[in-house]
PDB file of all heavy atoms in Angstrom:
ATOM      1  N   GLN A   1     -18.978  15.183 -38.770  1.00  0.00           N
ATOM      2  CA  GLN A   1     -20.373  15.710 -38.630  1.00  0.00           C
ATOM      3  C   GLN A   1     -21.274  14.545 -38.820  1.00  0.00           C
ATOM      4  O   GLN A   1     -21.425  13.891 -39.803  1.00  0.00           O
ATOM      5  CB  GLN A   1     -20.662  16.731 -39.705  1.00  0.00           C
ATOM      6  CG  GLN A   1     -22.033  17.420 -39.543  1.00  0.00           C
ATOM      7  CD  GLN A   1     -22.205  18.638 -40.383  1.00  0.00           C
ATOM      8  OE1 GLN A   1     -21.480  18.805 -41.368  1.00  0.00           O
ATOM      9  NE2 GLN A   1     -23.127  19.472 -40.001  1.00  0.00           N
ATOM     10  N   ALA A   2     -21.979  14.191 -37.694  1.00  0.00           N
ATOM     11  CA  ALA A   2     -22.923  13.148 -37.608  1.00  0.00           C
ATOM     12  C   ALA A   2     -24.280  13.700 -37.990  1.00  0.00           C
ATOM     13  O   ALA A   2     -24.517  14.957 -37.930  1.00  0.00           O
ATOM     14  CB  ALA A   2     -22.994  12.553 -36.155  1.00  0.00           C
ATOM     15  N   PRO A   3     -25.155  12.838 -38.426  1.00  0.00           N
ATOM     16  CA  PRO A   3     -26.506  13.332 -38.911  1.00  0.00           C
ATOM     17  C   PRO A   3     -27.204  14.206 -37.778  1.00  0.00           C
ATOM     18  O   PRO A   3     -27.283  13.679 -36.659  1.00  0.00           O
ATOM     19  CB  PRO A   3     -27.254  12.022 -39.228  1.00  0.00           C
ATOM     20  CG  PRO A   3     -26.191  11.030 -39.541  1.00  0.00           C
ATOM     21  CD  PRO A   3     -25.026  11.349 -38.676  1.00  0.00           C
ATOM     22  N   GLY A   4     -27.662  15.243 -38.235  1.00  0.00           N
ATOM     23  CA  GLY A   4     -28.447  16.142 -37.228  1.00  0.00           C
ATOM     24  C   GLY A   4     -27.562  16.853 -36.247  1.00  0.00           C
ATOM     25  O   GLY A   4     -28.118  17.544 -35.357  1.00  0.00           O
ATOM     26  N   LYS A   5     -26.252  16.733 -36.369  1.00  0.00           N
ATOM     27  CA  LYS A   5     -25.347  17.411 -35.417  1.00  0.00           C
ATOM     28  C   LYS A   5     -24.396  18.380 -36.088  1.00  0.00           C
ATOM     29  O   LYS A   5     -24.225  18.394 -37.325  1.00  0.00           O
ATOM     30  CB  LYS A   5     -24.573  16.375 -34.642  1.00  0.00           C
ATOM     31  CG  LYS A   5     -25.432  15.450 -33.773  1.00  0.00           C
ATOM     32  CD  LYS A   5     -24.620  14.546 -32.908  1.00  0.00           C
ATOM     33  CE  LYS A   5     -25.442  13.656 -31.991  1.00  0.00           C
ATOM     34  NZ  LYS A   5     -24.573  12.751 -31.152  1.00  0.00           N
ATOM     35  N   GLN A   6     -23.794  19.212 -35.276  1.00  0.00           N
ATOM     36  CA  GLN A   6     -22.911  20.257 -35.770  1.00  0.00           C
ATOM     37  C   GLN A   6     -21.578  19.539 -36.108  1.00  0.00           C
ATOM     38  O   GLN A   6     -21.195  18.568 -35.542  1.00  0.00           O
ATOM     39  CB  GLN A   6     -22.709  21.402 -34.820  1.00  0.00           C
ATOM     40  CG  GLN A   6     -23.903  22.295 -34.629  1.00  0.00           C
ATOM     41  CD  GLN A   6     -23.565  23.529 -33.849  1.00  0.00           C
ATOM     42  OE1 GLN A   6     -22.786  23.472 -32.923  1.00  0.00           O
ATOM     43  NE2 GLN A   6     -24.266  24.566 -34.089  1.00  0.00           N
ATOM     44  N   ARG A   7     -20.783  20.161 -37.014  1.00  0.00           N
ATOM     45  CA  ARG A   7     -19.526  19.697 -37.297  1.00  0.00           C
ATOM     46  C   ARG A   7     -18.600  19.965 -36.084  1.00  0.00           C
ATOM     47  O   ARG A   7     -18.673  21.066 -35.484  1.00  0.00           O
ATOM     48  CB  ARG A   7     -18.959  20.405 -38.505  1.00  0.00           C
ATOM     49  CG  ARG A   7     -17.731  19.770 -39.166  1.00  0.00           C
ATOM     50  CD  ARG A   7     -17.402  20.434 -40.524  1.00  0.00           C
ATOM     51  NE  ARG A   7     -18.437  20.276 -41.485  1.00  0.00           N
ATOM     52  CZ  ARG A   7     -18.370  20.628 -42.769  1.00  0.00           C
ATOM     53  NH1 ARG A   7     -17.225  21.156 -43.217  1.00  0.00           N
ATOM     54  NH2 ARG A   7     -19.361  20.451 -43.576  1.00  0.00           N
ATOM     55  N   GLU A   8     -17.821  18.983 -35.737  1.00  0.00           N
ATOM     56  CA  GLU A   8     -16.944  19.152 -34.540  1.00  0.00           C
ATOM     57  C   GLU A   8     -15.534  18.637 -34.813  1.00  0.00           C
ATOM     58  O   GLU A   8     -15.287  17.774 -35.655  1.00  0.00           O
ATOM     59  CB  GLU A   8     -17.533  18.336 -33.369  1.00  0.00           C
ATOM     60  CG  GLU A   8     -17.752  16.856 -33.684  1.00  0.00           C
ATOM     61  CD  GLU A   8     -18.366  16.103 -32.557  1.00  0.00           C
ATOM     62  OE1 GLU A   8     -18.823  16.741 -31.533  1.00  0.00           O
ATOM     63  OE2 GLU A   8     -18.468  14.872 -32.596  1.00  0.00           O
ATOM     64  N   LEU A   9     -14.601  19.253 -34.116  1.00  0.00           N
ATOM     65  CA  LEU A   9     -13.230  18.939 -34.270  1.00  0.00           C
ATOM     66  C   LEU A   9     -12.918  17.568 -33.731  1.00  0.00           C
ATOM     67  O   LEU A   9     -13.346  17.201 -32.607  1.00  0.00           O
ATOM     68  CB  LEU A   9     -12.375  19.949 -33.556  1.00  0.00           C
ATOM     69  CG  LEU A   9     -10.846  19.724 -33.555  1.00  0.00           C
ATOM     70  CD1 LEU A   9     -10.272  19.942 -34.974  1.00  0.00           C
ATOM     71  CD2 LEU A   9     -10.193  20.644 -32.560  1.00  0.00           C
ATOM     72  N   VAL A  10     -12.187  16.767 -34.464  1.00  0.00           N
ATOM     73  CA  VAL A  10     -11.688  15.484 -33.973  1.00  0.00           C
ATOM     74  C   VAL A  10     -10.241  15.620 -33.541  1.00  0.00           C
ATOM     75  O   VAL A  10      -9.874  15.243 -32.443  1.00  0.00           O
ATOM     76  CB  VAL A  10     -11.791  14.420 -35.122  1.00  0.00           C
ATOM     77  CG1 VAL A  10     -11.161  13.089 -34.614  1.00  0.00           C
ATOM     78  CG2 VAL A  10     -13.272  14.263 -35.525  1.00  0.00           C
ATOM     79  N   ALA A  11      -9.430  16.218 -34.412  1.00  0.00           N
ATOM     80  CA  ALA A  11      -7.962  16.323 -34.152  1.00  0.00           C
ATOM     81  C   ALA A  11      -7.378  17.359 -35.040  1.00  0.00           C
ATOM     82  O   ALA A  11      -7.852  17.628 -36.125  1.00  0.00           O
ATOM     83  CB  ALA A  11      -7.232  14.923 -34.339  1.00  0.00           C
ATOM     84  N   GLU A  12      -6.270  17.943 -34.559  1.00  0.00           N
ATOM     85  CA  GLU A  12      -5.576  19.022 -35.288  1.00  0.00           C
ATOM     86  C   GLU A  12      -4.086  18.810 -35.155  1.00  0.00           C
ATOM     87  O   GLU A  12      -3.603  18.303 -34.134  1.00  0.00           O
ATOM     88  CB  GLU A  12      -6.012  20.323 -34.708  1.00  0.00           C
ATOM     89  CG  GLU A  12      -5.443  21.581 -35.362  1.00  0.00           C
ATOM     90  CD  GLU A  12      -5.922  22.836 -34.732  1.00  0.00           C
ATOM     91  OE1 GLU A  12      -5.421  23.172 -33.630  1.00  0.00           O
ATOM     92  OE2 GLU A  12      -6.805  23.523 -35.321  1.00  0.00           O
ATOM     93  N   ILE A  13      -3.352  19.129 -36.238  1.00  0.00           N
ATOM     94  CA  ILE A  13      -1.933  19.070 -36.200  1.00  0.00           C
ATOM     95  C   ILE A  13      -1.294  20.338 -36.731  1.00  0.00           C
ATOM     96  O   ILE A  13      -1.735  20.862 -37.803  1.00  0.00           O
ATOM     97  CB  ILE A  13      -1.405  17.788 -36.930  1.00  0.00           C
ATOM     98  CG1 ILE A  13       0.113  17.646 -36.768  1.00  0.00           C
ATOM     99  CG2 ILE A  13      -1.843  17.847 -38.453  1.00  0.00           C
ATOM    100  CD1 ILE A  13       0.625  16.283 -37.192  1.00  0.00           C
ATOM    101  N   GLY A  14      -0.393  20.887 -35.990  1.00  0.00           N
ATOM    102  CA  GLY A  14       0.216  22.184 -36.331  1.00  0.00           C
ATOM    103  C   GLY A  14       1.358  21.994 -37.305  1.00  0.00           C
ATOM    104  O   GLY A  14       1.725  20.915 -37.788  1.00  0.00           O
ATOM    105  N   ILE A  15       1.988  23.160 -37.684  1.00  0.00           N
ATOM    106  CA  ILE A  15       3.052  23.199 -38.605  1.00  0.00           C
ATOM    107  C   ILE A  15       4.228  22.414 -38.128  1.00  0.00           C
ATOM    108  O   ILE A  15       4.928  21.673 -38.862  1.00  0.00           O
ATOM    109  CB  ILE A  15       3.386  24.611 -38.853  1.00  0.00           C
ATOM    110  CG1 ILE A  15       2.215  25.374 -39.478  1.00  0.00           C
ATOM    111  CG2 ILE A  15       4.646  24.705 -39.780  1.00  0.00           C
ATOM    112  CD1 ILE A  15       2.389  26.896 -39.556  1.00  0.00           C
ATOM    113  N   SER A  16       4.479  22.437 -36.778  1.00  0.00           N
ATOM    114  CA  SER A  16       5.620  21.729 -36.246  1.00  0.00           C
ATOM    115  C   SER A  16       5.291  20.302 -35.851  1.00  0.00           C
ATOM    116  O   SER A  16       6.205  19.545 -35.306  1.00  0.00           O
ATOM    117  CB  SER A  16       6.142  22.480 -35.004  1.00  0.00           C
ATOM    118  OG  SER A  16       5.145  22.513 -34.030  1.00  0.00           O
ATOM    119  N   GLY A  17       4.008  19.880 -36.068  1.00  0.00           N
ATOM    120  CA  GLY A  17       3.656  18.527 -35.691  1.00  0.00           C
ATOM    121  C   GLY A  17       2.937  18.452 -34.351  1.00  0.00           C
ATOM    122  O   GLY A  17       2.557  17.323 -33.956  1.00  0.00           O
ATOM    123  N   THR A  18       2.773  19.548 -33.681  1.00  0.00           N
ATOM    124  CA  THR A  18       2.036  19.489 -32.438  1.00  0.00           C
ATOM    125  C   THR A  18       0.593  19.129 -32.644  1.00  0.00           C
ATOM    126  O   THR A  18      -0.013  19.641 -33.577  1.00  0.00           O
ATOM    127  CB  THR A  18       2.063  20.908 -31.793  1.00  0.00           C
ATOM    128  OG1 THR A  18       3.461  21.291 -31.622  1.00  0.00           O
ATOM    129  CG2 THR A  18       1.381  20.919 -30.461  1.00  0.00           C
ATOM    130  N   THR A  19       0.082  18.233 -31.864  1.00  0.00           N
ATOM    131  CA  THR A  19      -1.251  17.710 -32.016  1.00  0.00           C
ATOM    132  C   THR A  19      -2.177  18.163 -30.915  1.00  0.00           C
ATOM    133  O   THR A  19      -1.750  18.440 -29.798  1.00  0.00           O
ATOM    134  CB  THR A  19      -1.266  16.165 -32.155  1.00  0.00           C
ATOM    135  OG1 THR A  19      -0.680  15.615 -30.928  1.00  0.00           O
ATOM    136  CG2 THR A  19      -0.443  15.730 -33.348  1.00  0.00           C
ATOM    137  N   ASN A  20      -3.422  18.189 -31.274  1.00  0.00           N
ATOM    138  CA  ASN A  20      -4.496  18.538 -30.330  1.00  0.00           C
ATOM    139  C   ASN A  20      -5.708  17.645 -30.642  1.00  0.00           C
ATOM    140  O   ASN A  20      -6.064  17.542 -31.839  1.00  0.00           O
ATOM    141  CB  ASN A  20      -4.883  20.009 -30.492  1.00  0.00           C
ATOM    142  CG  ASN A  20      -6.020  20.412 -29.644  1.00  0.00           C
ATOM    143  OD1 ASN A  20      -6.084  20.046 -28.460  1.00  0.00           O
ATOM    144  ND2 ASN A  20      -6.977  21.158 -30.131  1.00  0.00           N
ATOM    145  N   TYR A  21      -6.259  17.017 -29.622  1.00  0.00           N
ATOM    146  CA  TYR A  21      -7.403  16.104 -29.822  1.00  0.00           C
ATOM    147  C   TYR A  21      -8.552  16.510 -29.004  1.00  0.00           C
ATOM    148  O   TYR A  21      -8.486  16.998 -27.930  1.00  0.00           O
ATOM    149  CB  TYR A  21      -6.963  14.698 -29.420  1.00  0.00           C
ATOM    150  CG  TYR A  21      -5.856  14.073 -30.255  1.00  0.00           C
ATOM    151  CD1 TYR A  21      -4.522  14.145 -29.799  1.00  0.00           C
ATOM    152  CD2 TYR A  21      -6.161  13.490 -31.470  1.00  0.00           C
ATOM    153  CE1 TYR A  21      -3.497  13.630 -30.607  1.00  0.00           C
ATOM    154  CE2 TYR A  21      -5.112  12.939 -32.225  1.00  0.00           C
ATOM    155  CZ  TYR A  21      -3.802  13.002 -31.828  1.00  0.00           C
ATOM    156  OH  TYR A  21      -2.840  12.482 -32.597  1.00  0.00           O
ATOM    157  N   ALA A  22      -9.777  16.231 -29.591  1.00  0.00           N
ATOM    158  CA  ALA A  22     -10.986  16.407 -28.792  1.00  0.00           C
ATOM    159  C   ALA A  22     -10.934  15.434 -27.666  1.00  0.00           C
ATOM    160  O   ALA A  22     -10.448  14.322 -27.756  1.00  0.00           O
ATOM    161  CB  ALA A  22     -12.193  16.159 -29.708  1.00  0.00           C
ATOM    162  N   ASP A  23     -11.430  15.823 -26.489  1.00  0.00           N
ATOM    163  CA  ASP A  23     -11.361  15.033 -25.289  1.00  0.00           C
ATOM    164  C   ASP A  23     -11.996  13.591 -25.529  1.00  0.00           C
ATOM    165  O   ASP A  23     -11.452  12.633 -25.069  1.00  0.00           O
ATOM    166  CB  ASP A  23     -12.096  15.714 -24.119  1.00  0.00           C
ATOM    167  CG  ASP A  23     -11.309  16.871 -23.609  1.00  0.00           C
ATOM    168  OD1 ASP A  23     -10.123  16.975 -23.887  1.00  0.00           O
ATOM    169  OD2 ASP A  23     -11.976  17.695 -22.905  1.00  0.00           O
ATOM    170  N   ALA A  24     -13.082  13.591 -26.313  1.00  0.00           N
ATOM    171  CA  ALA A  24     -13.763  12.321 -26.533  1.00  0.00           C
ATOM    172  C   ALA A  24     -12.971  11.395 -27.443  1.00  0.00           C
ATOM    173  O   ALA A  24     -13.286  10.183 -27.480  1.00  0.00           O
ATOM    174  CB  ALA A  24     -15.112  12.612 -27.180  1.00  0.00           C
ATOM    175  N   GLU A  25     -11.961  11.962 -28.138  1.00  0.00           N
ATOM    176  CA  GLU A  25     -11.223  11.104 -29.073  1.00  0.00           C
ATOM    177  C   GLU A  25      -9.811  10.743 -28.610  1.00  0.00           C
ATOM    178  O   GLU A  25      -9.148   9.889 -29.214  1.00  0.00           O
ATOM    179  CB  GLU A  25     -11.115  11.861 -30.360  1.00  0.00           C
ATOM    180  CG  GLU A  25     -12.397  12.378 -30.949  1.00  0.00           C
ATOM    181  CD  GLU A  25     -13.365  11.216 -31.379  1.00  0.00           C
ATOM    182  OE1 GLU A  25     -12.952  10.119 -31.480  1.00  0.00           O
ATOM    183  OE2 GLU A  25     -14.539  11.613 -31.637  1.00  0.00           O
ATOM    184  N   LYS A  26      -9.391  11.302 -27.519  1.00  0.00           N
ATOM    185  CA  LYS A  26      -8.049  11.041 -27.025  1.00  0.00           C
ATOM    186  C   LYS A  26      -7.827   9.558 -26.773  1.00  0.00           C
ATOM    187  O   LYS A  26      -8.685   8.948 -26.123  1.00  0.00           O
ATOM    188  CB  LYS A  26      -7.787  11.870 -25.772  1.00  0.00           C
ATOM    189  CG  LYS A  26      -7.623  13.373 -26.045  1.00  0.00           C
ATOM    190  CD  LYS A  26      -7.352  14.102 -24.749  1.00  0.00           C
ATOM    191  CE  LYS A  26      -7.146  15.589 -25.065  1.00  0.00           C
ATOM    192  NZ  LYS A  26      -7.008  16.411 -23.834  1.00  0.00           N
ATOM    193  N   GLY A  27      -6.753   9.049 -27.184  1.00  0.00           N
ATOM    194  CA  GLY A  27      -6.440   7.636 -27.016  1.00  0.00           C
ATOM    195  C   GLY A  27      -6.984   6.716 -28.080  1.00  0.00           C
ATOM    196  O   GLY A  27      -6.603   5.554 -28.109  1.00  0.00           O
ATOM    197  N   ARG A  28      -7.878   7.170 -28.914  1.00  0.00           N
ATOM    198  CA  ARG A  28      -8.454   6.347 -29.931  1.00  0.00           C
ATOM    199  C   ARG A  28      -8.105   6.798 -31.335  1.00  0.00           C
ATOM    200  O   ARG A  28      -8.156   6.018 -32.270  1.00  0.00           O
ATOM    201  CB  ARG A  28      -9.998   6.339 -29.851  1.00  0.00           C
ATOM    202  CG  ARG A  28     -10.510   5.732 -28.541  1.00  0.00           C
ATOM    203  CD  ARG A  28     -11.996   5.435 -28.662  1.00  0.00           C
ATOM    204  NE  ARG A  28     -12.751   6.650 -29.110  1.00  0.00           N
ATOM    205  CZ  ARG A  28     -13.317   6.768 -30.311  1.00  0.00           C
ATOM    206  NH1 ARG A  28     -13.157   5.777 -31.155  1.00  0.00           N
ATOM    207  NH2 ARG A  28     -13.983   7.869 -30.649  1.00  0.00           N
ATOM    208  N   VAL A  29      -7.695   8.010 -31.539  1.00  0.00           N
ATOM    209  CA  VAL A  29      -7.348   8.514 -32.872  1.00  0.00           C
ATOM    210  C   VAL A  29      -5.964   9.121 -32.842  1.00  0.00           C
ATOM    211  O   VAL A  29      -5.500   9.634 -31.788  1.00  0.00           O
ATOM    212  CB  VAL A  29      -8.417   9.569 -33.338  1.00  0.00           C
ATOM    213  CG1 VAL A  29      -9.774   8.939 -33.376  1.00  0.00           C
ATOM    214  CG2 VAL A  29      -8.364  10.832 -32.541  1.00  0.00           C
ATOM    215  N   THR A  30      -5.342   9.140 -33.992  1.00  0.00           N
ATOM    216  CA  THR A  30      -4.069   9.690 -34.139  1.00  0.00           C
ATOM    217  C   THR A  30      -3.987  10.418 -35.442  1.00  0.00           C
ATOM    218  O   THR A  30      -4.315   9.876 -36.496  1.00  0.00           O
ATOM    219  CB  THR A  30      -2.895   8.689 -34.123  1.00  0.00           C
ATOM    220  OG1 THR A  30      -2.940   7.922 -32.904  1.00  0.00           O
ATOM    221  CG2 THR A  30      -1.543   9.359 -34.259  1.00  0.00           C
ATOM    222  N   ILE A  31      -3.624  11.731 -35.389  1.00  0.00           N
ATOM    223  CA  ILE A  31      -3.475  12.527 -36.630  1.00  0.00           C
ATOM    224  C   ILE A  31      -1.977  12.622 -36.920  1.00  0.00           C
ATOM    225  O   ILE A  31      -1.154  12.732 -36.021  1.00  0.00           O
ATOM    226  CB  ILE A  31      -4.146  13.881 -36.406  1.00  0.00           C
ATOM    227  CG1 ILE A  31      -4.123  14.633 -37.758  1.00  0.00           C
ATOM    228  CG2 ILE A  31      -3.442  14.719 -35.319  1.00  0.00           C
ATOM    229  CD1 ILE A  31      -4.945  15.963 -37.751  1.00  0.00           C
ATOM    230  N   SER A  32      -1.717  12.537 -38.198  1.00  0.00           N
ATOM    231  CA  SER A  32      -0.318  12.750 -38.647  1.00  0.00           C
ATOM    232  C   SER A  32      -0.296  13.398 -39.954  1.00  0.00           C
ATOM    233  O   SER A  32      -1.323  13.428 -40.671  1.00  0.00           O
ATOM    234  CB  SER A  32       0.385  11.365 -38.663  1.00  0.00           C
ATOM    235  OG  SER A  32      -0.239  10.497 -39.582  1.00  0.00           O
TER     236      SER A  32
END
């Protein structure tokens, strides 16, 4: 959540380890 902006998803990881990334973050962030 940046100042003055809504909270937004960066990355998510499921129970089995499946990951999902916001389009703007793909390639730059890794969730584990």
